[in-house]
PDB file of all heavy atoms in Angstrom:
ATOM      1  N   GLY A   1      96.953 109.941  93.556  1.00  0.00           N
ATOM      2  CA  GLY A   1      96.001 110.751  94.269  1.00  0.00           C
ATOM      3  C   GLY A   1      96.714 111.985  94.822  1.00  0.00           C
ATOM      4  O   GLY A   1      97.791 111.950  95.270  1.00  0.00           O
ATOM      5  N   TRP A   2      95.999 113.163  94.661  1.00  0.00           N
ATOM      6  CA  TRP A   2      96.503 114.450  95.156  1.00  0.00           C
ATOM      7  C   TRP A   2      95.288 115.286  95.633  1.00  0.00           C
ATOM      8  O   TRP A   2      94.492 115.650  94.851  1.00  0.00           O
ATOM      9  CB  TRP A   2      97.251 115.163  94.033  1.00  0.00           C
ATOM     10  CG  TRP A   2      97.920 116.483  94.367  1.00  0.00           C
ATOM     11  CD1 TRP A   2      97.237 117.653  94.670  1.00  0.00           C
ATOM     12  CD2 TRP A   2      99.282 116.747  94.560  1.00  0.00           C
ATOM     13  NE1 TRP A   2      98.099 118.669  94.976  1.00  0.00           N
ATOM     14  CE2 TRP A   2      99.419 118.096  94.890  1.00  0.00           C
ATOM     15  CE3 TRP A   2     100.448 115.918  94.424  1.00  0.00           C
ATOM     16  CZ2 TRP A   2     100.688 118.714  95.045  1.00  0.00           C
ATOM     17  CZ3 TRP A   2     101.669 116.574  94.653  1.00  0.00           C
ATOM     18  CH2 TRP A   2     101.759 117.918  94.980  1.00  0.00           C
ATOM     19  N   LYS A   3      95.227 115.533  96.906  1.00  0.00           N
ATOM     20  CA  LYS A   3      94.091 116.283  97.510  1.00  0.00           C
ATOM     21  C   LYS A   3      94.626 117.325  98.396  1.00  0.00           C
ATOM     22  O   LYS A   3      95.254 117.062  99.420  1.00  0.00           O
ATOM     23  CB  LYS A   3      93.186 115.320  98.229  1.00  0.00           C
ATOM     24  CG  LYS A   3      91.915 116.020  98.751  1.00  0.00           C
ATOM     25  CD  LYS A   3      91.016 114.952  99.467  1.00  0.00           C
ATOM     26  CE  LYS A   3      89.781 115.709 100.035  1.00  0.00           C
ATOM     27  NZ  LYS A   3      88.900 114.704 100.764  1.00  0.00           N
ATOM     28  N   ALA A   4      94.274 118.589  98.060  1.00  0.00           N
ATOM     29  CA  ALA A   4      94.681 119.743  98.863  1.00  0.00           C
ATOM     30  C   ALA A   4      93.484 120.202  99.762  1.00  0.00           C
ATOM     31  O   ALA A   4      92.331 120.207  99.278  1.00  0.00           O
ATOM     32  CB  ALA A   4      95.124 120.883  98.045  1.00  0.00           C
ATOM     33  N   GLY A   5      93.714 120.586 100.999  1.00  0.00           N
ATOM     34  CA  GLY A   5      92.608 121.078 101.859  1.00  0.00           C
ATOM     35  C   GLY A   5      93.226 121.287 103.257  1.00  0.00           C
ATOM     36  O   GLY A   5      94.326 120.991 103.516  1.00  0.00           O
ATOM     37  N   PRO A   6      92.332 121.835 104.133  1.00  0.00           N
ATOM     38  CA  PRO A   6      92.784 122.119 105.534  1.00  0.00           C
ATOM     39  C   PRO A   6      92.845 120.902 106.380  1.00  0.00           C
ATOM     40  O   PRO A   6      92.133 119.918 106.189  1.00  0.00           O
ATOM     41  CB  PRO A   6      91.700 123.084 105.994  1.00  0.00           C
ATOM     42  CG  PRO A   6      90.507 122.759 105.266  1.00  0.00           C
ATOM     43  CD  PRO A   6      90.957 122.259 103.881  1.00  0.00           C
ATOM     44  N   ASP A   7      93.769 120.925 107.395  1.00  0.00           N
ATOM     45  CA  ASP A   7      93.764 119.865 108.356  1.00  0.00           C
ATOM     46  C   ASP A   7      92.777 120.191 109.479  1.00  0.00           C
ATOM     47  O   ASP A   7      92.044 121.187 109.332  1.00  0.00           O
ATOM     48  CB  ASP A   7      95.150 119.637 108.910  1.00  0.00           C
ATOM     49  CG  ASP A   7      95.745 120.872 109.667  1.00  0.00           C
ATOM     50  OD1 ASP A   7      94.936 121.828 109.925  1.00  0.00           O
ATOM     51  OD2 ASP A   7      96.905 120.903 109.945  1.00  0.00           O
ATOM     52  N   ARG A   8      92.775 119.431 110.524  1.00  0.00           N
ATOM     53  CA  ARG A   8      91.812 119.690 111.583  1.00  0.00           C
ATOM     54  C   ARG A   8      91.989 120.989 112.363  1.00  0.00           C
ATOM     55  O   ARG A   8      91.126 121.425 113.111  1.00  0.00           O
ATOM     56  CB  ARG A   8      91.765 118.466 112.583  1.00  0.00           C
ATOM     57  CG  ARG A   8      93.035 118.231 113.291  1.00  0.00           C
ATOM     58  CD  ARG A   8      92.994 116.873 114.013  1.00  0.00           C
ATOM     59  NE  ARG A   8      94.249 116.589 114.682  1.00  0.00           N
ATOM     60  CZ  ARG A   8      94.542 116.862 115.957  1.00  0.00           C
ATOM     61  NH1 ARG A   8      93.520 117.510 116.674  1.00  0.00           N
ATOM     62  NH2 ARG A   8      95.650 116.558 116.539  1.00  0.00           N
ATOM     63  N   HIS A   9      93.181 121.555 112.172  1.00  0.00           N
ATOM     64  CA  HIS A   9      93.538 122.839 112.839  1.00  0.00           C
ATOM     65  C   HIS A   9      93.321 124.044 111.885  1.00  0.00           C
ATOM     66  O   HIS A   9      93.564 125.142 112.253  1.00  0.00           O
ATOM     67  CB  HIS A   9      94.905 122.932 113.346  1.00  0.00           C
ATOM     68  CG  HIS A   9      95.175 121.791 114.377  1.00  0.00           C
ATOM     69  ND1 HIS A   9      94.544 121.761 115.661  1.00  0.00           N
ATOM     70  CD2 HIS A   9      95.989 120.673 114.328  1.00  0.00           C
ATOM     71  CE1 HIS A   9      94.952 120.759 116.352  1.00  0.00           C
ATOM     72  NE2 HIS A   9      95.814 120.060 115.561  1.00  0.00           N
ATOM     73  N   GLY A  10      92.868 123.722 110.672  1.00  0.00           N
ATOM     74  CA  GLY A  10      92.653 124.808 109.645  1.00  0.00           C
ATOM     75  C   GLY A  10      93.846 125.149 108.835  1.00  0.00           C
ATOM     76  O   GLY A  10      93.761 126.107 108.035  1.00  0.00           O
ATOM     77  N   HIS A  11      94.982 124.442 109.020  1.00  0.00           N
ATOM     78  CA  HIS A  11      96.201 124.704 108.236  1.00  0.00           C
ATOM     79  C   HIS A  11      96.128 123.979 106.878  1.00  0.00           C
ATOM     80  O   HIS A  11      95.643 122.822 106.820  1.00  0.00           O
ATOM     81  CB  HIS A  11      97.414 124.323 108.939  1.00  0.00           C
ATOM     82  CG  HIS A  11      97.579 125.023 110.294  1.00  0.00           C
ATOM     83  ND1 HIS A  11      97.902 126.377 110.347  1.00  0.00           N
ATOM     84  CD2 HIS A  11      97.468 124.649 111.587  1.00  0.00           C
ATOM     85  CE1 HIS A  11      97.981 126.780 111.629  1.00  0.00           C
ATOM     86  NE2 HIS A  11      97.706 125.718 112.397  1.00  0.00           N
ATOM     87  N   ALA A  12      96.627 124.610 105.891  1.00  0.00           N
ATOM     88  CA  ALA A  12      96.635 124.018 104.531  1.00  0.00           C
ATOM     89  C   ALA A  12      97.576 122.811 104.492  1.00  0.00           C
ATOM     90  O   ALA A  12      98.609 122.790 105.075  1.00  0.00           O
ATOM     91  CB  ALA A  12      97.049 125.017 103.490  1.00  0.00           C
ATOM     92  N   GLN A  13      97.125 121.699 103.767  1.00  0.00           N
ATOM     93  CA  GLN A  13      97.929 120.552 103.618  1.00  0.00           C
ATOM     94  C   GLN A  13      97.595 119.898 102.262  1.00  0.00           C
ATOM     95  O   GLN A  13      96.644 120.183 101.691  1.00  0.00           O
ATOM     96  CB  GLN A  13      97.723 119.615 104.794  1.00  0.00           C
ATOM     97  CG  GLN A  13      96.344 118.968 104.763  1.00  0.00           C
ATOM     98  CD  GLN A  13      96.165 117.898 105.925  1.00  0.00           C
ATOM     99  OE1 GLN A  13      96.964 117.771 106.747  1.00  0.00           O
ATOM    100  NE2 GLN A  13      95.077 117.158 105.831  1.00  0.00           N
ATOM    101  N   VAL A  14      98.435 118.902 101.921  1.00  0.00           N
ATOM    102  CA  VAL A  14      98.309 118.164 100.644  1.00  0.00           C
ATOM    103  C   VAL A  14      98.418 116.682 100.994  1.00  0.00           C
ATOM    104  O   VAL A  14      99.374 116.300 101.634  1.00  0.00           O
ATOM    105  CB  VAL A  14      99.362 118.548  99.594  1.00  0.00           C
ATOM    106  CG1 VAL A  14      99.116 117.721  98.399  1.00  0.00           C
ATOM    107  CG2 VAL A  14      99.220 120.060  99.250  1.00  0.00           C
ATOM    108  N   LYS A  15      97.475 115.912 100.644  1.00  0.00           N
ATOM    109  CA  LYS A  15      97.541 114.464 100.857  1.00  0.00           C
ATOM    110  C   LYS A  15      97.754 113.799  99.501  1.00  0.00           C
ATOM    111  O   LYS A  15      97.067 113.986  98.497  1.00  0.00           O
ATOM    112  CB  LYS A  15      96.186 113.946 101.474  1.00  0.00           C
ATOM    113  CG  LYS A  15      96.019 114.257 102.905  1.00  0.00           C
ATOM    114  CD  LYS A  15      94.855 113.608 103.529  1.00  0.00           C
ATOM    115  CE  LYS A  15      94.759 113.750 105.014  1.00  0.00           C
ATOM    116  NZ  LYS A  15      95.854 112.978 105.689  1.00  0.00           N
ATOM    117  N   ILE A  16      98.797 112.997  99.473  1.00  0.00           N
ATOM    118  CA  ILE A  16      99.199 112.281  98.237  1.00  0.00           C
ATOM    119  C   ILE A  16      99.144 110.757  98.505  1.00  0.00           C
ATOM    120  O   ILE A  16      99.589 110.283  99.519  1.00  0.00           O
ATOM    121  CB  ILE A  16     100.733 112.656  97.890  1.00  0.00           C
ATOM    122  CG1 ILE A  16     100.838 114.186  97.715  1.00  0.00           C
ATOM    123  CG2 ILE A  16     101.167 111.954  96.609  1.00  0.00           C
ATOM    124  CD1 ILE A  16     102.231 114.677  97.538  1.00  0.00           C
ATOM    125  N   SER A  17      98.568 110.126  97.505  1.00  0.00           N
ATOM    126  CA  SER A  17      98.370 108.617  97.727  1.00  0.00           C
ATOM    127  C   SER A  17      98.920 107.847  96.538  1.00  0.00           C
ATOM    128  O   SER A  17      98.926 108.331  95.382  1.00  0.00           O
ATOM    129  CB  SER A  17      96.900 108.283  97.929  1.00  0.00           C
ATOM    130  OG  SER A  17      96.080 108.736  96.921  1.00  0.00           O
ATOM    131  N   PHE A  18      99.444 106.653  96.782  1.00  0.00           N
ATOM    132  CA  PHE A  18      99.959 105.740  95.749  1.00  0.00           C
ATOM    133  C   PHE A  18      98.973 104.584  95.679  1.00  0.00           C
ATOM    134  O   PHE A  18      98.303 104.222  96.596  1.00  0.00           O
ATOM    135  CB  PHE A  18     101.340 105.248  96.163  1.00  0.00           C
ATOM    136  CG  PHE A  18     102.417 106.262  96.075  1.00  0.00           C
ATOM    137  CD1 PHE A  18     102.573 107.261  97.042  1.00  0.00           C
ATOM    138  CD2 PHE A  18     103.218 106.347  94.948  1.00  0.00           C
ATOM    139  CE1 PHE A  18     103.544 108.203  96.918  1.00  0.00           C
ATOM    140  CE2 PHE A  18     104.268 107.280  94.801  1.00  0.00           C
ATOM    141  CZ  PHE A  18     104.374 108.249  95.793  1.00  0.00           C
ATOM    142  N   PRO A  19      98.853 104.031  94.496  1.00  0.00           N
ATOM    143  CA  PRO A  19      97.909 102.932  94.167  1.00  0.00           C
ATOM    144  C   PRO A  19      98.180 101.717  95.097  1.00  0.00           C
ATOM    145  O   PRO A  19      99.348 101.272  95.202  1.00  0.00           O
ATOM    146  CB  PRO A  19      98.046 102.621  92.748  1.00  0.00           C
ATOM    147  CG  PRO A  19      99.390 103.164  92.307  1.00  0.00           C
ATOM    148  CD  PRO A  19      99.666 104.360  93.228  1.00  0.00           C
ATOM    149  N   ALA A  20      97.111 101.180  95.669  1.00  0.00           N
ATOM    150  CA  ALA A  20      97.321  99.961  96.514  1.00  0.00           C
ATOM    151  C   ALA A  20      97.853  98.768  95.797  1.00  0.00           C
ATOM    152  O   ALA A  20      98.694  98.022  96.324  1.00  0.00           O
ATOM    153  CB  ALA A  20      95.940  99.671  97.178  1.00  0.00           C
ATOM    154  N   LEU A  21      97.438  98.544  94.594  1.00  0.00           N
ATOM    155  CA  LEU A  21      97.949  97.335  93.882  1.00  0.00           C
ATOM    156  C   LEU A  21      99.502  97.487  93.609  1.00  0.00           C
ATOM    157  O   LEU A  21     100.129  96.433  93.664  1.00  0.00           O
ATOM    158  CB  LEU A  21      97.180  97.228  92.549  1.00  0.00           C
ATOM    159  CG  LEU A  21      95.718  96.865  92.572  1.00  0.00           C
ATOM    160  CD1 LEU A  21      95.122  96.835  91.214  1.00  0.00           C
ATOM    161  CD2 LEU A  21      95.605  95.456  93.302  1.00  0.00           C
ATOM    162  N   VAL A  22      99.939  98.632  93.268  1.00  0.00           N
ATOM    163  CA  VAL A  22     101.345  98.797  93.004  1.00  0.00           C
ATOM    164  C   VAL A  22     102.138  98.620  94.307  1.00  0.00           C
ATOM    165  O   VAL A  22     103.184  97.919  94.355  1.00  0.00           O
ATOM    166  CB  VAL A  22     101.657 100.148  92.363  1.00  0.00           C
ATOM    167  CG1 VAL A  22     103.143 100.443  92.300  1.00  0.00           C
ATOM    168  CG2 VAL A  22     101.001 100.315  91.029  1.00  0.00           C
ATOM    169  N   CYS A  23     101.671  99.238  95.409  1.00  0.00           N
ATOM    170  CA  CYS A  23     102.389  99.200  96.687  1.00  0.00           C
ATOM    171  C   CYS A  23     102.412  97.724  97.273  1.00  0.00           C
ATOM    172  O   CYS A  23     103.386  97.289  97.844  1.00  0.00           O
ATOM    173  CB  CYS A  23     101.738 100.208  97.684  1.00  0.00           C
ATOM    174  SG  CYS A  23     102.103 101.894  97.314  1.00  0.00           S
ATOM    175  N   SER A  24     101.272  97.037  97.080  1.00  0.00           N
ATOM    176  CA  SER A  24     101.154  95.656  97.644  1.00  0.00           C
ATOM    177  C   SER A  24     102.158  94.687  96.943  1.00  0.00           C
ATOM    178  O   SER A  24     102.604  93.705  97.499  1.00  0.00           O
ATOM    179  CB  SER A  24      99.784  95.091  97.451  1.00  0.00           C
ATOM    180  OG  SER A  24      99.432  95.058  96.109  1.00  0.00           O
ATOM    181  N   ALA A  25     102.514  94.986  95.690  1.00  0.00           N
ATOM    182  CA  ALA A  25     103.498  94.101  94.944  1.00  0.00           C
ATOM    183  C   ALA A  25     104.908  94.644  95.114  1.00  0.00           C
ATOM    184  O   ALA A  25     105.742  93.979  94.579  1.00  0.00           O
ATOM    185  CB  ALA A  25     103.085  94.057  93.496  1.00  0.00           C
ATOM    186  N   CYS A  26     105.170  95.702  95.786  1.00  0.00           N
ATOM    187  CA  CYS A  26     106.494  96.299  95.864  1.00  0.00           C
ATOM    188  C   CYS A  26     107.377  95.526  96.828  1.00  0.00           C
ATOM    189  O   CYS A  26     106.922  95.213  97.941  1.00  0.00           O
ATOM    190  CB  CYS A  26     106.387  97.751  96.298  1.00  0.00           C
ATOM    191  SG  CYS A  26     108.000  98.635  96.450  1.00  0.00           S
ATOM    192  N   ALA A  27     108.556  95.264  96.444  1.00  0.00           N
ATOM    193  CA  ALA A  27     109.518  94.448  97.274  1.00  0.00           C
ATOM    194  C   ALA A  27     109.970  95.330  98.463  1.00  0.00           C
ATOM    195  O   ALA A  27     110.384  94.740  99.516  1.00  0.00           O
ATOM    196  CB  ALA A  27     110.723  94.043  96.440  1.00  0.00           C
ATOM    197  N   ALA A  28     109.859  96.637  98.378  1.00  0.00           N
ATOM    198  CA  ALA A  28     110.339  97.498  99.481  1.00  0.00           C
ATOM    199  C   ALA A  28     109.148  97.906 100.394  1.00  0.00           C
ATOM    200  O   ALA A  28     109.342  98.920 101.157  1.00  0.00           O
ATOM    201  CB  ALA A  28     111.057  98.747  98.925  1.00  0.00           C
ATOM    202  N   ARG A  29     107.985  97.307 100.287  1.00  0.00           N
ATOM    203  CA  ARG A  29     106.862  97.707 100.998  1.00  0.00           C
ATOM    204  C   ARG A  29     107.048  97.839 102.578  1.00  0.00           C
ATOM    205  O   ARG A  29     106.612  98.726 103.207  1.00  0.00           O
ATOM    206  CB  ARG A  29     105.686  96.748 100.732  1.00  0.00           C
ATOM    207  CG  ARG A  29     104.374  97.111 101.495  1.00  0.00           C
ATOM    208  CD  ARG A  29     103.253  96.111 101.192  1.00  0.00           C
ATOM    209  NE  ARG A  29     102.105  96.433 101.946  1.00  0.00           N
ATOM    210  CZ  ARG A  29     101.148  97.372 101.573  1.00  0.00           C
ATOM    211  NH1 ARG A  29     101.288  98.018 100.436  1.00  0.00           N
ATOM    212  NH2 ARG A  29     100.073  97.560 102.315  1.00  0.00           N
ATOM    213  N   SER A  30     107.808  96.884 103.104  1.00  0.00           N
ATOM    214  CA  SER A  30     108.059  96.910 104.566  1.00  0.00           C
ATOM    215  C   SER A  30     108.864  98.060 105.005  1.00  0.00           C
ATOM    216  O   SER A  30     108.916  98.433 106.194  1.00  0.00           O
ATOM    217  CB  SER A  30     108.809  95.588 104.958  1.00  0.00           C
ATOM    218  OG  SER A  30     110.044  95.486 104.278  1.00  0.00           O
ATOM    219  N   SER A  31     109.588  98.727 104.101  1.00  0.00           N
ATOM    220  CA  SER A  31     110.393  99.903 104.446  1.00  0.00           C
ATOM    221  C   SER A  31     109.602 101.193 104.182  1.00  0.00           C
ATOM    222  O   SER A  31     110.075 102.307 104.490  1.00  0.00           O
ATOM    223  CB  SER A  31     111.662  99.975 103.564  1.00  0.00           C
ATOM    224  OG  SER A  31     112.516  98.928 103.807  1.00  0.00           O
ATOM    225  N   CYS A  32     108.311 101.022 103.635  1.00  0.00           N
ATOM    226  CA  CYS A  32     107.603 102.221 103.223  1.00  0.00           C
ATOM    227  C   CYS A  32     106.303 102.438 103.960  1.00  0.00           C
ATOM    228  O   CYS A  32     105.952 103.531 104.309  1.00  0.00           O
ATOM    229  CB  CYS A  32     107.345 102.170 101.707  1.00  0.00           C
ATOM    230  SG  CYS A  32     106.673 103.629 100.943  1.00  0.00           S
ATOM    231  N   THR A  33     105.555 101.351 104.204  1.00  0.00           N
ATOM    232  CA  THR A  33     104.283 101.498 104.853  1.00  0.00           C
ATOM    233  C   THR A  33     103.890 100.206 105.650  1.00  0.00           C
ATOM    234  O   THR A  33     104.330  99.114 105.329  1.00  0.00           O
ATOM    235  CB  THR A  33     103.150 101.752 103.825  1.00  0.00           C
ATOM    236  OG1 THR A  33     101.896 101.862 104.467  1.00  0.00           O
ATOM    237  CG2 THR A  33     103.031 100.635 102.837  1.00  0.00           C
ATOM    238  N   HIS A  34     103.129 100.479 106.720  1.00  0.00           N
ATOM    239  CA  HIS A  34     102.666  99.327 107.561  1.00  0.00           C
ATOM    240  C   HIS A  34     101.231  99.050 107.233  1.00  0.00           C
ATOM    241  O   HIS A  34     100.604  98.190 107.908  1.00  0.00           O
ATOM    242  CB  HIS A  34     102.795  99.701 109.067  1.00  0.00           C
ATOM    243  CG  HIS A  34     104.215  99.543 109.505  1.00  0.00           C
ATOM    244  ND1 HIS A  34     104.674 100.113 110.748  1.00  0.00           N
ATOM    245  CD2 HIS A  34     105.296  98.997 108.955  1.00  0.00           C
ATOM    246  CE1 HIS A  34     105.939  99.815 110.876  1.00  0.00           C
ATOM    247  NE2 HIS A  34     106.379  99.203 109.853  1.00  0.00           N
ATOM    248  N   ALA A  35     100.631  99.793 106.322  1.00  0.00           N
ATOM    249  CA  ALA A  35      99.203  99.576 105.947  1.00  0.00           C
ATOM    250  C   ALA A  35      98.945  98.181 105.470  1.00  0.00           C
ATOM    251  O   ALA A  35      99.785  97.632 104.728  1.00  0.00           O
ATOM    252  CB  ALA A  35      98.772 100.590 104.920  1.00  0.00           C
ATOM    253  N   ALA A  36      97.907  97.584 105.947  1.00  0.00           N
ATOM    254  CA  ALA A  36      97.614  96.210 105.580  1.00  0.00           C
ATOM    255  C   ALA A  36      97.249  95.992 104.055  1.00  0.00           C
ATOM    256  O   ALA A  36      97.699  95.088 103.373  1.00  0.00           O
ATOM    257  CB  ALA A  36      96.466  95.637 106.373  1.00  0.00           C
TER     258      ALA A  36
END
C-alpha cells in the first residue's frame, strides 16, 4: 500500500502499508509492530 495526501495540519505525507498476512507470520513481528 502507498497513499499520498495531507495530514491533519495540511502537510504532505505518504502512508505505506505492509500486508497483514505477511506481517502476522513474520518471526520479527514483535520488533516491528504492536498491531494486533
